[in-house]
Protein backbone atom coordinates (compact mmCIF):
# COMPACT_ATOMS: atom_id res chain seq x y z
CA UNK A 1 83.54 103.27 235.17
CA UNK A 2 86.32 103.43 237.76
CA UNK A 3 86.99 99.68 237.48
CA UNK A 4 87.15 100.03 233.70
CA UNK A 5 89.79 102.70 234.21
CA UNK A 6 91.77 100.33 236.44
CA UNK A 7 91.57 97.57 233.83
CA UNK A 8 92.79 99.82 231.03
CA UNK A 9 95.54 101.20 233.26
CA UNK A 10 96.89 97.69 233.87
CA UNK A 11 96.66 96.85 230.17
CA UNK A 12 98.55 100.02 229.25
CA UNK A 13 101.30 99.27 231.78
CA UNK A 14 101.64 95.72 230.46
CA UNK A 15 101.81 96.91 226.87
CA UNK A 16 104.37 99.60 227.68
CA UNK A 17 106.65 97.11 229.46
CA UNK A 18 106.38 94.77 226.50
CA UNK A 19 107.24 97.48 223.97
CA UNK A 20 110.16 98.82 226.01
CA UNK A 21 111.73 95.36 225.99
CA UNK A 22 111.28 95.00 222.23
CA UNK A 23 114.34 96.35 220.33
CA UNK A 24 112.35 96.96 217.14
CA UNK A 25 109.61 99.05 218.80
CA UNK A 26 108.43 101.98 216.68
CA UNK A 27 107.54 105.43 217.93
CA UNK A 28 103.78 104.75 217.82
CA UNK A 29 104.26 101.46 219.72
CA UNK A 30 105.57 103.39 222.73
CA UNK A 31 103.52 106.56 222.43
CA UNK A 32 100.17 104.71 222.36
CA UNK A 33 100.50 103.00 225.80
CA UNK A 34 102.01 106.10 227.42
CA UNK A 35 99.10 108.10 226.07
CA UNK A 36 96.75 105.45 227.46
CA UNK A 37 98.33 105.96 230.90
CA UNK A 38 97.75 109.71 230.53
CA UNK A 39 94.08 109.12 229.73
CA UNK A 40 93.73 106.67 232.62
CA UNK A 41 95.13 109.30 234.99
CA UNK A 42 91.67 110.89 234.75
CA UNK A 43 90.23 107.99 236.75
CA UNK A 44 90.47 108.65 240.46
CA UNK A 45 90.97 104.93 241.19
CA UNK A 46 94.36 104.92 239.43
CA UNK A 47 95.29 108.61 239.60
CA UNK A 48 98.44 109.62 241.43
CA UNK A 49 96.80 112.96 242.15
CA UNK A 50 97.78 116.59 241.76
CA UNK A 51 99.70 117.33 238.58
CA UNK A 52 100.94 113.75 238.11
CA UNK A 53 99.37 113.81 234.65
CA UNK A 54 102.17 116.14 233.55
CA UNK A 55 104.68 113.32 234.11
CA UNK A 56 102.98 111.31 231.38
CA UNK A 57 102.98 114.31 229.04
CA UNK A 58 106.71 114.72 229.66
CA UNK A 59 107.25 111.02 228.94
CA UNK A 60 105.51 111.49 225.59
CA UNK A 61 107.88 114.37 224.79
CA UNK A 62 110.90 112.25 225.70
CA UNK A 63 109.85 109.39 223.43
CA UNK A 64 108.97 111.68 220.52
CA UNK A 65 112.29 113.53 220.81
CA UNK A 66 114.27 110.29 220.97
CA UNK A 67 112.66 108.84 217.87
CA UNK A 68 112.77 112.13 215.97
CA UNK A 69 116.54 112.01 216.37
CA UNK A 70 116.44 108.59 214.70
CA UNK A 71 114.35 109.89 211.82
CA UNK A 72 111.06 108.35 212.99
CA UNK A 73 108.14 110.78 213.07
CA UNK A 74 104.82 110.63 214.85
CA UNK A 75 101.89 110.90 212.46
CA UNK A 76 98.11 110.83 212.21
CA UNK A 77 95.79 110.75 215.16
CA UNK A 78 98.54 110.02 217.71
CA UNK A 79 100.42 113.11 216.53
CA UNK A 80 97.34 115.26 217.11
CA UNK A 81 96.69 113.56 220.46
CA UNK A 82 100.21 114.25 221.77
CA UNK A 83 100.08 117.80 220.42
CA UNK A 84 96.76 118.35 222.18
CA UNK A 85 97.93 117.21 225.63
CA UNK A 86 101.17 119.18 225.15
CA UNK A 87 99.16 122.30 224.33
CA UNK A 88 96.86 121.82 227.32
CA UNK A 89 99.87 121.53 229.63
CA UNK A 90 101.53 124.61 228.12
CA UNK A 91 98.37 126.72 228.43
CA UNK A 92 97.67 125.62 232.01
CA UNK A 93 101.20 126.39 233.23
CA UNK A 94 101.90 129.26 230.81
CA UNK A 95 105.18 127.95 229.46
CA UNK A 96 106.35 127.20 225.89
CA UNK A 97 104.94 124.08 224.29
CA UNK A 98 107.43 121.23 224.09
CA UNK A 99 109.36 120.56 220.86
CA UNK A 100 108.79 124.15 219.60
CA UNK A 101 105.52 125.43 218.03
CA UNK A 102 106.64 124.92 214.43
CA UNK A 103 107.00 121.17 215.04
CA UNK A 104 103.27 120.91 215.68
CA UNK A 105 102.21 122.88 212.59
CA UNK A 106 101.52 121.27 209.25
CA UNK A 107 102.94 122.86 206.15
CA UNK A 108 99.51 122.99 204.54
CA UNK A 109 97.09 124.11 207.22
CA UNK A 110 93.41 124.91 206.69
CA UNK A 111 92.34 128.51 207.15
CA UNK A 112 89.46 127.66 209.43
CA UNK A 113 88.15 124.99 211.75
CA UNK A 114 89.74 123.28 214.77
CA UNK A 115 93.04 122.34 213.09
CA UNK A 116 93.70 125.95 212.06
CA UNK A 117 92.85 127.14 215.57
CA UNK A 118 95.19 124.66 217.25
CA UNK A 119 98.02 125.67 214.92
CA UNK A 120 97.55 129.25 216.10
CA UNK A 121 97.18 128.24 219.74
CA UNK A 122 100.57 126.49 219.93
CA UNK A 123 102.28 129.88 219.60
CA UNK A 124 100.45 131.45 222.55
CA UNK A 125 101.94 129.77 225.67
CA UNK A 126 105.49 131.03 225.06
CA UNK A 127 104.18 134.58 224.62
CA UNK A 128 102.16 134.30 227.84
CA UNK A 129 105.31 133.28 229.69
CA UNK A 130 107.28 136.16 228.18
CA UNK A 131 104.55 138.60 229.19
CA UNK A 132 104.44 137.21 232.73
CA UNK A 133 108.21 137.54 233.09
CA UNK A 134 108.20 141.06 231.67
CA UNK A 135 105.44 142.17 234.03
CA UNK A 136 107.10 140.66 237.10
CA UNK A 137 110.59 142.02 236.43
CA UNK A 138 111.84 145.39 237.62
CA UNK A 139 114.34 145.49 234.78
CA UNK A 140 111.90 145.16 231.87
CA UNK A 141 112.53 147.93 229.37
CA UNK A 142 109.87 149.76 227.37
CA UNK A 143 111.43 148.30 224.23
CA UNK A 144 111.17 144.67 225.36
CA UNK A 145 107.61 145.16 226.62
CA UNK A 146 106.67 146.76 223.31
CA UNK A 147 108.22 143.83 221.40
CA UNK A 148 106.17 141.27 223.33
CA UNK A 149 103.07 143.43 222.93
CA UNK A 150 103.59 143.51 219.16
CA UNK A 151 103.91 139.72 218.93
CA UNK A 152 100.78 139.23 221.04
CA UNK A 153 98.91 141.75 218.91
CA UNK A 154 99.96 139.93 215.73
CA UNK A 155 98.66 136.65 217.15
CA UNK A 156 95.46 138.35 218.25
CA UNK A 157 94.93 139.57 214.68
CA UNK A 158 95.38 136.02 213.39
CA UNK A 159 92.96 134.66 215.99
CA UNK A 160 90.36 137.29 215.10
CA UNK A 161 90.65 136.29 211.43
CA UNK A 162 89.91 132.66 212.33
CA UNK A 163 86.36 131.34 212.13
CA UNK A 164 84.90 127.96 213.08
CA UNK A 165 82.94 127.45 209.84
CA UNK A 166 80.42 124.95 211.09
CA UNK A 167 81.17 122.00 208.90
CA UNK A 168 78.89 119.34 207.56
CA UNK A 169 79.22 115.61 207.21
CA UNK A 170 80.08 116.17 203.54
CA UNK A 171 83.13 118.30 204.35
CA UNK A 172 84.46 116.43 207.37
CA UNK A 173 84.97 112.92 208.55
CA UNK A 174 85.31 111.38 211.98
CA UNK A 175 88.93 110.61 212.71
CA UNK A 176 89.75 107.00 211.98
CA UNK A 177 92.62 105.52 213.97
CA UNK A 178 95.40 103.78 212.11
CA UNK A 179 96.57 100.28 212.99
CA UNK A 180 99.17 101.75 215.34
CA UNK A 181 96.45 103.73 217.13
CA UNK A 182 93.97 100.92 217.70
CA UNK A 183 94.92 100.46 221.35
CA UNK A 184 94.16 104.13 221.94
CA UNK A 185 90.59 104.12 220.65
CA UNK A 186 89.04 101.99 223.46
CA UNK A 187 90.19 104.48 226.08
CA UNK A 188 88.69 107.36 224.14
CA UNK A 189 85.39 105.49 223.91
CA UNK A 190 85.28 105.11 227.70
CA UNK A 191 84.87 108.85 228.03
CA UNK A 192 81.56 108.83 226.18
CA UNK A 193 81.37 110.90 223.03
CA UNK A 194 78.21 113.01 222.78
CA UNK A 195 75.59 111.85 220.35
CA UNK A 196 73.89 114.03 217.79
CA UNK A 197 75.41 116.49 215.35
CA UNK A 198 79.16 115.98 215.88
CA UNK A 199 80.27 118.69 213.39
CA UNK A 200 78.05 121.25 215.12
CA UNK A 201 79.36 120.20 218.53
CA UNK A 202 82.98 120.55 217.43
CA UNK A 203 82.29 123.94 215.83
CA UNK A 204 80.77 125.23 219.08
CA UNK A 205 83.63 123.79 221.12
CA UNK A 206 86.14 125.45 218.78
CA UNK A 207 84.44 128.80 219.36
CA UNK A 208 84.52 128.27 223.13
CA UNK A 209 88.23 127.41 223.03
CA UNK A 210 88.84 130.39 220.75
CA UNK A 211 87.32 132.83 223.24
CA UNK A 212 89.48 131.45 226.05
CA UNK A 213 92.61 131.92 223.96
CA UNK A 214 91.61 135.53 223.37
CA UNK A 215 90.91 135.95 227.09
CA UNK A 216 94.40 134.75 228.02
CA UNK A 217 96.06 136.82 225.30
CA UNK A 218 94.18 140.02 226.02
CA UNK A 219 94.66 139.81 229.77
CA UNK A 220 98.42 139.56 229.14
CA UNK A 221 98.21 142.57 226.84
CA UNK A 222 96.44 144.44 229.62
CA UNK A 223 99.27 143.63 232.04
CA UNK A 224 101.87 144.79 229.54
CA UNK A 225 100.01 148.06 228.97
CA UNK A 226 100.32 148.76 232.67
CA UNK A 227 104.10 148.28 232.56
CA UNK A 228 104.36 150.65 229.60
CA UNK A 229 102.30 153.36 231.32
CA UNK A 230 99.97 153.71 228.37
CA UNK A 231 97.20 156.36 228.34
CA UNK A 232 94.09 155.54 230.33
CA UNK A 233 91.70 155.47 227.37
CA UNK A 234 93.42 152.67 225.39
CA UNK A 235 93.70 150.68 228.62
CA UNK A 236 89.97 151.06 229.23
CA UNK A 237 89.23 149.85 225.69
CA UNK A 238 91.42 146.79 226.23
CA UNK A 239 89.76 146.09 229.58
CA UNK A 240 86.40 146.13 227.82
CA UNK A 241 87.71 143.62 225.27
CA UNK A 242 88.96 141.34 228.04
CA UNK A 243 85.59 141.57 229.79
CA UNK A 244 83.88 140.75 226.49
CA UNK A 245 86.10 137.68 226.02
CA UNK A 246 85.33 136.58 229.59
CA UNK A 247 81.59 136.95 229.02
CA UNK A 248 81.76 134.94 225.79
CA UNK A 249 83.90 132.31 227.49
CA UNK A 250 81.28 132.01 230.23
CA UNK A 251 78.51 131.67 227.64
CA UNK A 252 80.60 129.01 225.93
CA UNK A 253 80.82 126.97 229.14
CA UNK A 254 77.04 127.07 229.52
CA UNK A 255 76.55 126.11 225.89
CA UNK A 256 79.00 123.18 225.97
CA UNK A 257 77.46 121.82 229.17
CA UNK A 258 74.06 121.95 227.50
CA UNK A 259 75.26 120.24 224.31
CA UNK A 260 77.32 117.47 225.91
CA UNK A 261 75.75 114.05 226.08
CA UNK A 262 77.08 112.77 229.42
CA UNK A 263 78.66 114.06 232.66
CA UNK A 264 82.17 113.05 231.57
CA UNK A 265 81.70 114.76 228.20
CA UNK A 266 80.63 117.91 230.01
CA UNK A 267 83.71 117.83 232.21
CA UNK A 268 86.11 117.24 229.33
CA UNK A 269 84.46 119.90 227.17
CA UNK A 270 84.83 122.75 229.69
CA UNK A 271 87.68 121.86 232.08
CA UNK A 272 90.25 124.16 230.47
CA UNK A 273 87.78 127.02 230.03
CA UNK A 274 86.90 126.83 233.74
CA UNK A 275 90.58 126.95 234.64
CA UNK A 276 91.23 130.01 232.48
CA UNK A 277 88.10 131.87 233.46
CA UNK A 278 88.74 131.25 237.15
CA UNK A 279 92.18 132.83 236.73
CA UNK A 280 90.64 135.94 235.20
CA UNK A 281 87.76 136.25 237.69
CA UNK A 282 90.24 135.94 240.58
CA UNK A 283 92.63 138.58 239.32
CA UNK A 284 89.85 140.98 238.24
CA UNK A 285 88.05 140.43 241.57
CA UNK A 286 84.79 139.60 239.86
CA UNK A 287 83.11 138.06 242.88
CA UNK A 288 79.80 137.35 241.13
CA UNK A 289 81.52 135.68 238.19
CA UNK A 290 83.79 133.68 240.45
CA UNK A 291 80.86 132.54 242.58
CA UNK A 292 78.99 131.33 239.49
CA UNK A 293 82.10 129.53 238.23
CA UNK A 294 82.78 127.80 241.55
CA UNK A 295 79.18 126.60 241.72
CA UNK A 296 79.33 125.32 238.14
CA UNK A 297 82.61 123.54 238.80
CA UNK A 298 81.29 121.93 241.99
CA UNK A 299 78.19 120.68 240.19
CA UNK A 300 80.34 119.04 237.53
CA UNK A 301 82.70 117.55 240.11
CA UNK A 302 79.76 116.11 242.05
CA UNK A 303 78.62 114.35 238.87
CA UNK A 304 82.11 112.94 238.36
CA UNK A 305 83.05 111.55 241.76
CA UNK A 306 85.13 108.81 240.07
CA UNK A 307 87.21 111.34 238.08
CA UNK A 308 90.45 113.13 238.94
CA UNK A 309 89.34 116.67 238.11
CA UNK A 310 92.85 118.09 237.69
CA UNK A 311 93.88 115.35 235.24
CA UNK A 312 90.97 116.28 232.96
CA UNK A 313 93.05 119.31 231.97
CA UNK A 314 95.21 117.02 229.82
CA UNK A 315 92.25 116.01 227.65
CA UNK A 316 90.04 119.07 227.96
CA UNK A 317 88.43 120.15 224.66
CA UNK A 318 89.35 116.72 223.32
CA UNK A 319 86.55 116.80 220.75
CA UNK A 320 88.71 119.21 218.71
CA UNK A 321 90.43 116.01 217.53
CA UNK A 322 87.30 114.21 216.38
CA UNK A 323 86.81 115.72 212.97
CA UNK A 324 89.24 116.59 210.24
CA UNK A 325 88.42 118.74 207.24
CA UNK A 326 88.61 116.83 204.00
CA UNK A 327 91.08 118.23 201.45
């Protein structure tokens, strides 16, 4: 598996050099090999280590921005792929998603399923950053804290209205790559898609991702409540909601590990959730929860000795891209 990663890494580098030298290169011609390099970063044999994967995500943003200025737009599966890695980066580092949230939202979005959830999720990272800044500043006013709280609460309401709606083969189809995306598909296949009921798997993964979004949002609301000196009772109710989200997120990790068809699928399916839950367990001083999470993470890492664990964050929950709801 590691040698396959090396081979694909070299192919992606060769293709990227070729496209850069070609004056007529289109946006997809450059995005595809850069995205391949991002995927290959997950292989320890070629990984630069640490957060080097974010360099590839930034390169994708640079290319997309440059071509957008020329009137060329990224579409189809590559659009969703770049959006996904951009969202993962923004959630991990709690900063606004690149190219503004509205750029990543379709005009006609479904009301349920993974696409609807992702279009809600792109608005969260900027609010998390605002909440972090407000809570760490001595000059935050009650008015500004209340404004951020209101925006988070509005997003929470939208997230609570979302539902996975376990789809069937009749209402969904597996994403087919376009001609421009064909160089991307082999790298995705390397990671081993689980066999069985794909719609059910994606629905369960969507629910797991959903709970982690609520966990991040509600924990930020809890921090803001503290800065606003709210009454104890509402704070206790919010703490209970955060604990509930954490418990459901933990259950989701167990469920996704059980449903995944291979070690690499298990790692990809839960990497982000582990990152988020670890953050909450650490700050809430839940020693039992943290101990369980560390043991779970170590078991997965032991199964994936050839994988750069940090770089999996870029493609965590990747199965959200597999199915699209038919119009």
